[in-house]
mmCIF file of all heavy atoms, coordinates in Angstrom:
data_MODEL
# 
_entry.id   MODEL 
# 
loop_
_atom_site.group_PDB 
_atom_site.id 
_atom_site.type_symbol 
_atom_site.label_atom_id 
_atom_site.label_alt_id 
_atom_site.label_comp_id 
_atom_site.label_asym_id 
_atom_site.label_entity_id 
_atom_site.label_seq_id 
_atom_site.pdbx_PDB_ins_code 
_atom_site.Cartn_x 
_atom_site.Cartn_y 
_atom_site.Cartn_z 
_atom_site.occupancy 
_atom_site.B_iso_or_equiv 
_atom_site.pdbx_formal_charge 
_atom_site.auth_seq_id 
_atom_site.auth_comp_id 
_atom_site.auth_asym_id 
_atom_site.auth_atom_id 
_atom_site.pdbx_PDB_model_num 
ATOM 1   N N   . GLY A 1 1  ? 0.835  -9.593  -5.364 1.00 0.00 ? 1  GLY A N   1 
ATOM 2   C CA  . GLY A 1 1  ? 1.204  -8.357  -4.667 1.00 0.00 ? 1  GLY A CA  1 
ATOM 3   C C   . GLY A 1 1  ? 0.803  -8.384  -3.198 1.00 0.00 ? 1  GLY A C   1 
ATOM 4   O O   . GLY A 1 1  ? 1.601  -8.037  -2.319 1.00 0.00 ? 1  GLY A O   1 
ATOM 5   N N   . LEU A 1 2  ? -0.425 -8.811  -2.928 1.00 0.00 ? 2  LEU A N   1 
ATOM 6   C CA  . LEU A 1 2  ? -0.894 -8.857  -1.539 1.00 0.00 ? 2  LEU A CA  1 
ATOM 7   C C   . LEU A 1 2  ? -0.101 -9.876  -0.721 1.00 0.00 ? 2  LEU A C   1 
ATOM 8   O O   . LEU A 1 2  ? 0.310  -9.599  0.410  1.00 0.00 ? 2  LEU A O   1 
ATOM 9   C CB  . LEU A 1 2  ? -2.386 -9.198  -1.518 1.00 0.00 ? 2  LEU A CB  1 
ATOM 10  C CG  . LEU A 1 2  ? -3.028 -9.331  -0.134 1.00 0.00 ? 2  LEU A CG  1 
ATOM 11  C CD1 . LEU A 1 2  ? -2.908 -8.034  0.642  1.00 0.00 ? 2  LEU A CD1 1 
ATOM 12  C CD2 . LEU A 1 2  ? -4.488 -9.760  -0.260 1.00 0.00 ? 2  LEU A CD2 1 
ATOM 13  N N   . THR A 1 3  ? 0.118  -11.062 -1.295 1.00 0.00 ? 3  THR A N   1 
ATOM 14  C CA  . THR A 1 3  ? 0.850  -12.096 -0.565 1.00 0.00 ? 3  THR A CA  1 
ATOM 15  C C   . THR A 1 3  ? 2.283  -11.665 -0.265 1.00 0.00 ? 3  THR A C   1 
ATOM 16  O O   . THR A 1 3  ? 2.786  -11.865 0.843  1.00 0.00 ? 3  THR A O   1 
ATOM 17  C CB  . THR A 1 3  ? 0.852  -13.404 -1.375 1.00 0.00 ? 3  THR A CB  1 
ATOM 18  O OG1 . THR A 1 3  ? -0.489 -13.770 -1.698 1.00 0.00 ? 3  THR A OG1 1 
ATOM 19  C CG2 . THR A 1 3  ? 1.501  -14.524 -0.579 1.00 0.00 ? 3  THR A CG2 1 
ATOM 20  N N   . SER A 1 4  ? 2.944  -11.062 -1.241 1.00 0.00 ? 4  SER A N   1 
ATOM 21  C CA  . SER A 1 4  ? 4.330  -10.628 -1.036 1.00 0.00 ? 4  SER A CA  1 
ATOM 22  C C   . SER A 1 4  ? 4.406  -9.483  -0.024 1.00 0.00 ? 4  SER A C   1 
ATOM 23  O O   . SER A 1 4  ? 5.334  -9.433  0.785  1.00 0.00 ? 4  SER A O   1 
ATOM 24  C CB  . SER A 1 4  ? 4.939  -10.192 -2.370 1.00 0.00 ? 4  SER A CB  1 
ATOM 25  O OG  . SER A 1 4  ? 4.944  -11.254 -3.291 1.00 0.00 ? 4  SER A OG  1 
ATOM 26  N N   . PHE A 1 5  ? 3.443  -8.567  -0.071 1.00 0.00 ? 5  PHE A N   1 
ATOM 27  C CA  . PHE A 1 5  ? 3.418  -7.481  0.907  1.00 0.00 ? 5  PHE A CA  1 
ATOM 28  C C   . PHE A 1 5  ? 3.306  -8.028  2.327  1.00 0.00 ? 5  PHE A C   1 
ATOM 29  O O   . PHE A 1 5  ? 4.054  -7.623  3.236  1.00 0.00 ? 5  PHE A O   1 
ATOM 30  C CB  . PHE A 1 5  ? 2.253  -6.544  0.599  1.00 0.00 ? 5  PHE A CB  1 
ATOM 31  C CG  . PHE A 1 5  ? 2.056  -5.464  1.625  1.00 0.00 ? 5  PHE A CG  1 
ATOM 32  C CD1 . PHE A 1 5  ? 2.824  -4.318  1.598  1.00 0.00 ? 5  PHE A CD1 1 
ATOM 33  C CD2 . PHE A 1 5  ? 1.103  -5.609  2.624  1.00 0.00 ? 5  PHE A CD2 1 
ATOM 34  C CE1 . PHE A 1 5  ? 2.654  -3.322  2.549  1.00 0.00 ? 5  PHE A CE1 1 
ATOM 35  C CE2 . PHE A 1 5  ? 0.915  -4.631  3.577  1.00 0.00 ? 5  PHE A CE2 1 
ATOM 36  C CZ  . PHE A 1 5  ? 1.694  -3.475  3.540  1.00 0.00 ? 5  PHE A CZ  1 
ATOM 37  N N   . LEU A 1 6  ? 2.383  -8.950  2.531  1.00 0.00 ? 6  LEU A N   1 
ATOM 38  C CA  . LEU A 1 6  ? 2.219  -9.543  3.860  1.00 0.00 ? 6  LEU A CA  1 
ATOM 39  C C   . LEU A 1 6  ? 3.445  -10.349 4.273  1.00 0.00 ? 6  LEU A C   1 
ATOM 40  O O   . LEU A 1 6  ? 3.822  -10.361 5.454  1.00 0.00 ? 6  LEU A O   1 
ATOM 41  C CB  . LEU A 1 6  ? 0.975  -10.436 3.883  1.00 0.00 ? 6  LEU A CB  1 
ATOM 42  C CG  . LEU A 1 6  ? -0.358 -9.713  3.651  1.00 0.00 ? 6  LEU A CG  1 
ATOM 43  C CD1 . LEU A 1 6  ? -1.502 -10.721 3.598  1.00 0.00 ? 6  LEU A CD1 1 
ATOM 44  C CD2 . LEU A 1 6  ? -0.596 -8.678  4.736  1.00 0.00 ? 6  LEU A CD2 1 
ATOM 45  N N   . LEU A 1 7  ? 4.098  -11.004 3.314  1.00 0.00 ? 7  LEU A N   1 
ATOM 46  C CA  . LEU A 1 7  ? 5.307  -11.754 3.634  1.00 0.00 ? 7  LEU A CA  1 
ATOM 47  C C   . LEU A 1 7  ? 6.431  -10.827 4.054  1.00 0.00 ? 7  LEU A C   1 
ATOM 48  O O   . LEU A 1 7  ? 7.185  -11.124 4.993  1.00 0.00 ? 7  LEU A O   1 
ATOM 49  C CB  . LEU A 1 7  ? 5.725  -12.595 2.426  1.00 0.00 ? 7  LEU A CB  1 
ATOM 50  C CG  . LEU A 1 7  ? 6.835  -13.617 2.651  1.00 0.00 ? 7  LEU A CG  1 
ATOM 51  C CD1 . LEU A 1 7  ? 6.444  -14.617 3.736  1.00 0.00 ? 7  LEU A CD1 1 
ATOM 52  C CD2 . LEU A 1 7  ? 7.148  -14.358 1.354  1.00 0.00 ? 7  LEU A CD2 1 
ATOM 53  N N   . GLY A 1 8  ? 6.550  -9.683  3.368  1.00 0.00 ? 8  GLY A N   1 
ATOM 54  C CA  . GLY A 1 8  ? 7.545  -8.698  3.793  1.00 0.00 ? 8  GLY A CA  1 
ATOM 55  C C   . GLY A 1 8  ? 7.266  -8.160  5.188  1.00 0.00 ? 8  GLY A C   1 
ATOM 56  O O   . GLY A 1 8  ? 8.190  -7.953  5.985  1.00 0.00 ? 8  GLY A O   1 
ATOM 57  N N   . VAL A 1 9  ? 5.988  -7.955  5.492  1.00 0.00 ? 9  VAL A N   1 
ATOM 58  C CA  . VAL A 1 9  ? 5.617  -7.513  6.847  1.00 0.00 ? 9  VAL A CA  1 
ATOM 59  C C   . VAL A 1 9  ? 6.020  -8.559  7.874  1.00 0.00 ? 9  VAL A C   1 
ATOM 60  O O   . VAL A 1 9  ? 6.570  -8.229  8.944  1.00 0.00 ? 9  VAL A O   1 
ATOM 61  C CB  . VAL A 1 9  ? 4.098  -7.235  6.896  1.00 0.00 ? 9  VAL A CB  1 
ATOM 62  C CG1 . VAL A 1 9  ? 3.645  -7.040  8.339  1.00 0.00 ? 9  VAL A CG1 1 
ATOM 63  C CG2 . VAL A 1 9  ? 3.755  -6.011  6.066  1.00 0.00 ? 9  VAL A CG2 1 
ATOM 64  N N   . VAL A 1 10 ? 5.763  -9.838  7.588  1.00 0.00 ? 10 VAL A N   1 
ATOM 65  C CA  . VAL A 1 10 ? 6.087  -10.914 8.529  1.00 0.00 ? 10 VAL A CA  1 
ATOM 66  C C   . VAL A 1 10 ? 7.593  -11.014 8.743  1.00 0.00 ? 10 VAL A C   1 
ATOM 67  O O   . VAL A 1 10 ? 8.063  -11.146 9.882  1.00 0.00 ? 10 VAL A O   1 
ATOM 68  C CB  . VAL A 1 10 ? 5.516  -12.253 8.007  1.00 0.00 ? 10 VAL A CB  1 
ATOM 69  C CG1 . VAL A 1 10 ? 6.038  -13.416 8.843  1.00 0.00 ? 10 VAL A CG1 1 
ATOM 70  C CG2 . VAL A 1 10 ? 4.000  -12.225 8.047  1.00 0.00 ? 10 VAL A CG2 1 
ATOM 71  N N   . VAL A 1 11 ? 8.367  -10.944 7.665  1.00 0.00 ? 11 VAL A N   1 
ATOM 72  C CA  . VAL A 1 11 ? 9.825  -11.048 7.793  1.00 0.00 ? 11 VAL A CA  1 
ATOM 73  C C   . VAL A 1 11 ? 10.369 -9.908  8.648  1.00 0.00 ? 11 VAL A C   1 
ATOM 74  O O   . VAL A 1 11 ? 11.190 -10.120 9.558  1.00 0.00 ? 11 VAL A O   1 
ATOM 75  C CB  . VAL A 1 11 ? 10.480 -11.053 6.397  1.00 0.00 ? 11 VAL A CB  1 
ATOM 76  C CG1 . VAL A 1 11 ? 12.004 -10.934 6.515  1.00 0.00 ? 11 VAL A CG1 1 
ATOM 77  C CG2 . VAL A 1 11 ? 10.127 -12.323 5.636  1.00 0.00 ? 11 VAL A CG2 1 
ATOM 78  N N   . ALA A 1 12 ? 9.923  -8.698  8.380  1.00 0.00 ? 12 ALA A N   1 
ATOM 79  C CA  . ALA A 1 12 ? 10.406 -7.551  9.157  1.00 0.00 ? 12 ALA A CA  1 
ATOM 80  C C   . ALA A 1 12 ? 9.935  -7.626  10.604 1.00 0.00 ? 12 ALA A C   1 
ATOM 81  O O   . ALA A 1 12 ? 10.687 -7.297  11.532 1.00 0.00 ? 12 ALA A O   1 
ATOM 82  C CB  . ALA A 1 12 ? 9.935  -6.251  8.509  1.00 0.00 ? 12 ALA A CB  1 
ATOM 83  N N   . TYR A 1 13 ? 8.702  -8.059  10.816 1.00 0.00 ? 13 TYR A N   1 
ATOM 84  C CA  . TYR A 1 13 ? 8.167  -8.141  12.175 1.00 0.00 ? 13 TYR A CA  1 
ATOM 85  C C   . TYR A 1 13 ? 8.908  -9.186  13.002 1.00 0.00 ? 13 TYR A C   1 
ATOM 86  O O   . TYR A 1 13 ? 9.221  -8.953  14.180 1.00 0.00 ? 13 TYR A O   1 
ATOM 87  C CB  . TYR A 1 13 ? 6.676  -8.467  12.124 1.00 0.00 ? 13 TYR A CB  1 
ATOM 88  C CG  . TYR A 1 13 ? 6.036  -8.553  13.484 1.00 0.00 ? 13 TYR A CG  1 
ATOM 89  C CD1 . TYR A 1 13 ? 5.696  -7.394  14.182 1.00 0.00 ? 13 TYR A CD1 1 
ATOM 90  C CD2 . TYR A 1 13 ? 5.783  -9.785  14.076 1.00 0.00 ? 13 TYR A CD2 1 
ATOM 91  C CE1 . TYR A 1 13 ? 5.116  -7.469  15.434 1.00 0.00 ? 13 TYR A CE1 1 
ATOM 92  C CE2 . TYR A 1 13 ? 5.203  -9.868  15.325 1.00 0.00 ? 13 TYR A CE2 1 
ATOM 93  C CZ  . TYR A 1 13 ? 4.866  -8.712  16.007 1.00 0.00 ? 13 TYR A CZ  1 
ATOM 94  O OH  . TYR A 1 13 ? 4.302  -8.796  17.248 1.00 0.00 ? 13 TYR A OH  1 
ATOM 95  N N   . GLN A 1 14 ? 9.199  -10.340 12.402 1.00 0.00 ? 14 GLN A N   1 
ATOM 96  C CA  . GLN A 1 14 ? 9.901  -11.387 13.131 1.00 0.00 ? 14 GLN A CA  1 
ATOM 97  C C   . GLN A 1 14 ? 11.326 -10.976 13.463 1.00 0.00 ? 14 GLN A C   1 
ATOM 98  O O   . GLN A 1 14 ? 11.870 -11.356 14.504 1.00 0.00 ? 14 GLN A O   1 
ATOM 99  C CB  . GLN A 1 14 ? 9.910  -12.681 12.300 1.00 0.00 ? 14 GLN A CB  1 
ATOM 100 C CG  . GLN A 1 14 ? 8.541  -13.299 12.102 1.00 0.00 ? 14 GLN A CG  1 
ATOM 101 C CD  . GLN A 1 14 ? 7.915  -13.758 13.406 1.00 0.00 ? 14 GLN A CD  1 
ATOM 102 O OE1 . GLN A 1 14 ? 8.605  -14.175 14.337 1.00 0.00 ? 14 GLN A OE1 1 
ATOM 103 N NE2 . GLN A 1 14 ? 6.598  -13.675 13.487 1.00 0.00 ? 14 GLN A NE2 1 
ATOM 104 N N   . GLY A 1 15 ? 11.956 -10.226 12.552 1.00 0.00 ? 15 GLY A N   1 
ATOM 105 C CA  . GLY A 1 15 ? 13.323 -9.786  12.819 1.00 0.00 ? 15 GLY A CA  1 
ATOM 106 C C   . GLY A 1 15 ? 13.410 -8.567  13.712 1.00 0.00 ? 15 GLY A C   1 
ATOM 107 O O   . GLY A 1 15 ? 14.442 -8.345  14.373 1.00 0.00 ? 15 GLY A O   1 
ATOM 108 N N   . ALA A 1 16 ? 12.346 -7.770  13.757 1.00 0.00 ? 16 ALA A N   1 
ATOM 109 C CA  . ALA A 1 16 ? 12.396 -6.518  14.517 1.00 0.00 ? 16 ALA A CA  1 
ATOM 110 C C   . ALA A 1 16 ? 12.623 -6.756  15.998 1.00 0.00 ? 16 ALA A C   1 
ATOM 111 O O   . ALA A 1 16 ? 13.414 -6.055  16.647 1.00 0.00 ? 16 ALA A O   1 
ATOM 112 C CB  . ALA A 1 16 ? 11.098 -5.735  14.295 1.00 0.00 ? 16 ALA A CB  1 
ATOM 113 N N   . ASP A 1 17 ? 11.950 -7.742  16.557 1.00 0.00 ? 17 ASP A N   1 
ATOM 114 C CA  . ASP A 1 17 ? 12.063 -7.994  17.993 1.00 0.00 ? 17 ASP A CA  1 
ATOM 115 C C   . ASP A 1 17 ? 13.479 -8.387  18.376 1.00 0.00 ? 17 ASP A C   1 
ATOM 116 O O   . ASP A 1 17 ? 14.015 -7.924  19.392 1.00 0.00 ? 17 ASP A O   1 
ATOM 117 C CB  . ASP A 1 17 ? 11.078 -9.091  18.390 1.00 0.00 ? 17 ASP A CB  1 
ATOM 118 C CG  . ASP A 1 17 ? 11.028 -9.304  19.893 1.00 0.00 ? 17 ASP A CG  1 
ATOM 119 O OD1 . ASP A 1 17 ? 10.828 -8.313  20.618 1.00 0.00 ? 17 ASP A OD1 1 
ATOM 120 O OD2 . ASP A 1 17 ? 11.209 -10.455 20.332 1.00 0.00 ? 17 ASP A OD2 1 
ATOM 121 N N   . GLN A 1 18 ? 14.106 -9.243  17.562 1.00 0.00 ? 18 GLN A N   1 
ATOM 122 C CA  . GLN A 1 18 ? 15.476 -9.665  17.871 1.00 0.00 ? 18 GLN A CA  1 
ATOM 123 C C   . GLN A 1 18 ? 16.479 -8.541  17.639 1.00 0.00 ? 18 GLN A C   1 
ATOM 124 O O   . GLN A 1 18 ? 17.414 -8.348  18.432 1.00 0.00 ? 18 GLN A O   1 
ATOM 125 C CB  . GLN A 1 18 ? 15.851 -10.875 17.010 1.00 0.00 ? 18 GLN A CB  1 
ATOM 126 C CG  . GLN A 1 18 ? 14.959 -12.091 17.230 1.00 0.00 ? 18 GLN A CG  1 
ATOM 127 C CD  . GLN A 1 18 ? 15.036 -12.604 18.655 1.00 0.00 ? 18 GLN A CD  1 
ATOM 128 O OE1 . GLN A 1 18 ? 16.097 -12.594 19.271 1.00 0.00 ? 18 GLN A OE1 1 
ATOM 129 N NE2 . GLN A 1 18 ? 13.901 -13.044 19.178 1.00 0.00 ? 18 GLN A NE2 1 
ATOM 130 N N   . LEU A 1 19 ? 16.315 -7.803  16.555 1.00 0.00 ? 19 LEU A N   1 
ATOM 131 C CA  . LEU A 1 19 ? 17.264 -6.721  16.257 1.00 0.00 ? 19 LEU A CA  1 
ATOM 132 C C   . LEU A 1 19 ? 17.189 -5.608  17.295 1.00 0.00 ? 19 LEU A C   1 
ATOM 133 O O   . LEU A 1 19 ? 18.199 -4.976  17.619 1.00 0.00 ? 19 LEU A O   1 
ATOM 134 C CB  . LEU A 1 19 ? 16.969 -6.165  14.862 1.00 0.00 ? 19 LEU A CB  1 
ATOM 135 C CG  . LEU A 1 19 ? 17.231 -7.123  13.690 1.00 0.00 ? 19 LEU A CG  1 
ATOM 136 C CD1 . LEU A 1 19 ? 16.745 -6.507  12.388 1.00 0.00 ? 19 LEU A CD1 1 
ATOM 137 C CD2 . LEU A 1 19 ? 18.714 -7.456  13.593 1.00 0.00 ? 19 LEU A CD2 1 
ATOM 138 N N   . ARG A 1 20 ? 15.987 -5.369  17.848 1.00 0.00 ? 20 ARG A N   1 
ATOM 139 C CA  . ARG A 1 20 ? 15.831 -4.315  18.836 1.00 0.00 ? 20 ARG A CA  1 
ATOM 140 C C   . ARG A 1 20 ? 16.620 -4.624  20.101 1.00 0.00 ? 20 ARG A C   1 
ATOM 141 O O   . ARG A 1 20 ? 17.164 -3.724  20.756 1.00 0.00 ? 20 ARG A O   1 
ATOM 142 C CB  . ARG A 1 20 ? 14.344 -4.134  19.168 1.00 0.00 ? 20 ARG A CB  1 
ATOM 143 C CG  . ARG A 1 20 ? 14.070 -2.890  20.013 1.00 0.00 ? 20 ARG A CG  1 
ATOM 144 C CD  . ARG A 1 20 ? 12.610 -2.800  20.435 1.00 0.00 ? 20 ARG A CD  1 
ATOM 145 N NE  . ARG A 1 20 ? 11.720 -2.719  19.276 1.00 0.00 ? 20 ARG A NE  1 
ATOM 146 C CZ  . ARG A 1 20 ? 10.905 -3.689  18.882 1.00 0.00 ? 20 ARG A CZ  1 
ATOM 147 N NH1 . ARG A 1 20 ? 10.873 -4.835  19.555 1.00 0.00 ? 20 ARG A NH1 1 
ATOM 148 N NH2 . ARG A 1 20 ? 10.120 -3.529  17.843 1.00 0.00 ? 20 ARG A NH2 1 
ATOM 149 N N   . HIS A 1 21 ? 16.728 -5.909  20.471 1.00 0.00 ? 21 HIS A N   1 
ATOM 150 C CA  . HIS A 1 21 ? 17.465 -6.285  21.679 1.00 0.00 ? 21 HIS A CA  1 
ATOM 151 C C   . HIS A 1 21 ? 18.946 -5.953  21.565 1.00 0.00 ? 21 HIS A C   1 
ATOM 152 O O   . HIS A 1 21 ? 19.605 -5.650  22.567 1.00 0.00 ? 21 HIS A O   1 
ATOM 153 C CB  . HIS A 1 21 ? 17.294 -7.780  21.952 1.00 0.00 ? 21 HIS A CB  1 
ATOM 154 C CG  . HIS A 1 21 ? 15.924 -8.140  22.437 1.00 0.00 ? 21 HIS A CG  1 
ATOM 155 N ND1 . HIS A 1 21 ? 15.316 -7.517  23.509 1.00 0.00 ? 21 HIS A ND1 1 
ATOM 156 C CD2 . HIS A 1 21 ? 15.033 -9.065  21.994 1.00 0.00 ? 21 HIS A CD2 1 
ATOM 157 C CE1 . HIS A 1 21 ? 14.119 -8.036  23.703 1.00 0.00 ? 21 HIS A CE1 1 
ATOM 158 N NE2 . HIS A 1 21 ? 13.922 -8.974  22.789 1.00 0.00 ? 21 HIS A NE2 1 
ATOM 159 N N   . TYR A 1 22 ? 19.503 -6.022  20.376 1.00 0.00 ? 22 TYR A N   1 
ATOM 160 C CA  . TYR A 1 22 ? 20.936 -5.803  20.173 1.00 0.00 ? 22 TYR A CA  1 
ATOM 161 C C   . TYR A 1 22 ? 21.249 -4.427  19.610 1.00 0.00 ? 22 TYR A C   1 
ATOM 162 O O   . TYR A 1 22 ? 22.405 -4.146  19.263 1.00 0.00 ? 22 TYR A O   1 
ATOM 163 C CB  . TYR A 1 22 ? 21.495 -6.878  19.230 1.00 0.00 ? 22 TYR A CB  1 
ATOM 164 C CG  . TYR A 1 22 ? 21.335 -8.276  19.766 1.00 0.00 ? 22 TYR A CG  1 
ATOM 165 C CD1 . TYR A 1 22 ? 20.306 -9.100  19.316 1.00 0.00 ? 22 TYR A CD1 1 
ATOM 166 C CD2 . TYR A 1 22 ? 22.197 -8.784  20.748 1.00 0.00 ? 22 TYR A CD2 1 
ATOM 167 C CE1 . TYR A 1 22 ? 20.139 -10.382 19.800 1.00 0.00 ? 22 TYR A CE1 1 
ATOM 168 C CE2 . TYR A 1 22 ? 22.034 -10.063 21.245 1.00 0.00 ? 22 TYR A CE2 1 
ATOM 169 C CZ  . TYR A 1 22 ? 21.013 -10.860 20.767 1.00 0.00 ? 22 TYR A CZ  1 
ATOM 170 O OH  . TYR A 1 22 ? 20.850 -12.140 21.251 1.00 0.00 ? 22 TYR A OH  1 
ATOM 171 N N   . GLY A 1 23 ? 20.249 -3.584  19.508 1.00 0.00 ? 23 GLY A N   1 
ATOM 172 C CA  . GLY A 1 23 ? 20.477 -2.252  18.984 1.00 0.00 ? 23 GLY A CA  1 
ATOM 173 C C   . GLY A 1 23 ? 20.880 -2.238  17.526 1.00 0.00 ? 23 GLY A C   1 
ATOM 174 O O   . GLY A 1 23 ? 21.596 -1.326  17.097 1.00 0.00 ? 23 GLY A O   1 
ATOM 175 N N   . ALA A 1 24 ? 20.448 -3.231  16.775 1.00 0.00 ? 24 ALA A N   1 
ATOM 176 C CA  . ALA A 1 24 ? 20.833 -3.347  15.363 1.00 0.00 ? 24 ALA A CA  1 
ATOM 177 C C   . ALA A 1 24 ? 19.609 -3.163  14.482 1.00 0.00 ? 24 ALA A C   1 
ATOM 178 O O   . ALA A 1 24 ? 19.389 -3.920  13.530 1.00 0.00 ? 24 ALA A O   1 
ATOM 179 C CB  . ALA A 1 24 ? 21.492 -4.693  15.107 1.00 0.00 ? 24 ALA A CB  1 
ATOM 180 N N   . ASN A 1 25 ? 18.833 -2.140  14.799 1.00 0.00 ? 25 ASN A N   1 
ATOM 181 C CA  . ASN A 1 25 ? 17.587 -1.937  14.065 1.00 0.00 ? 25 ASN A CA  1 
ATOM 182 C C   . ASN A 1 25 ? 17.809 -1.767  12.569 1.00 0.00 ? 25 ASN A C   1 
ATOM 183 O O   . ASN A 1 25 ? 17.016 -2.236  11.754 1.00 0.00 ? 25 ASN A O   1 
ATOM 184 C CB  . ASN A 1 25 ? 16.866 -0.695  14.612 1.00 0.00 ? 25 ASN A CB  1 
ATOM 185 C CG  . ASN A 1 25 ? 16.443 -0.870  16.046 1.00 0.00 ? 25 ASN A CG  1 
ATOM 186 O OD1 . ASN A 1 25 ? 16.722 -1.898  16.667 1.00 0.00 ? 25 ASN A OD1 1 
ATOM 187 N ND2 . ASN A 1 25 ? 15.761 0.119   16.589 1.00 0.00 ? 25 ASN A ND2 1 
ATOM 188 N N   . VAL A 1 26 ? 18.893 -1.109  12.219 1.00 0.00 ? 26 VAL A N   1 
ATOM 189 C CA  . VAL A 1 26 ? 19.101 -0.758  10.820 1.00 0.00 ? 26 VAL A CA  1 
ATOM 190 C C   . VAL A 1 26 ? 19.343 -1.989  9.940  1.00 0.00 ? 26 VAL A C   1 
ATOM 191 O O   . VAL A 1 26 ? 19.115 -1.960  8.729  1.00 0.00 ? 26 VAL A O   1 
ATOM 192 C CB  . VAL A 1 26 ? 20.281 0.227   10.697 1.00 0.00 ? 26 VAL A CB  1 
ATOM 193 C CG1 . VAL A 1 26 ? 21.619 -0.480  10.950 1.00 0.00 ? 26 VAL A CG1 1 
ATOM 194 C CG2 . VAL A 1 26 ? 20.291 0.910   9.342  1.00 0.00 ? 26 VAL A CG2 1 
# 
């Protein structure tokens, strides 16, 4: 549970920066 939670955080964090540049947050 802990490992998967942190992995989900990492995936979203890595994608957030790129998606924010193109206005595709959703």
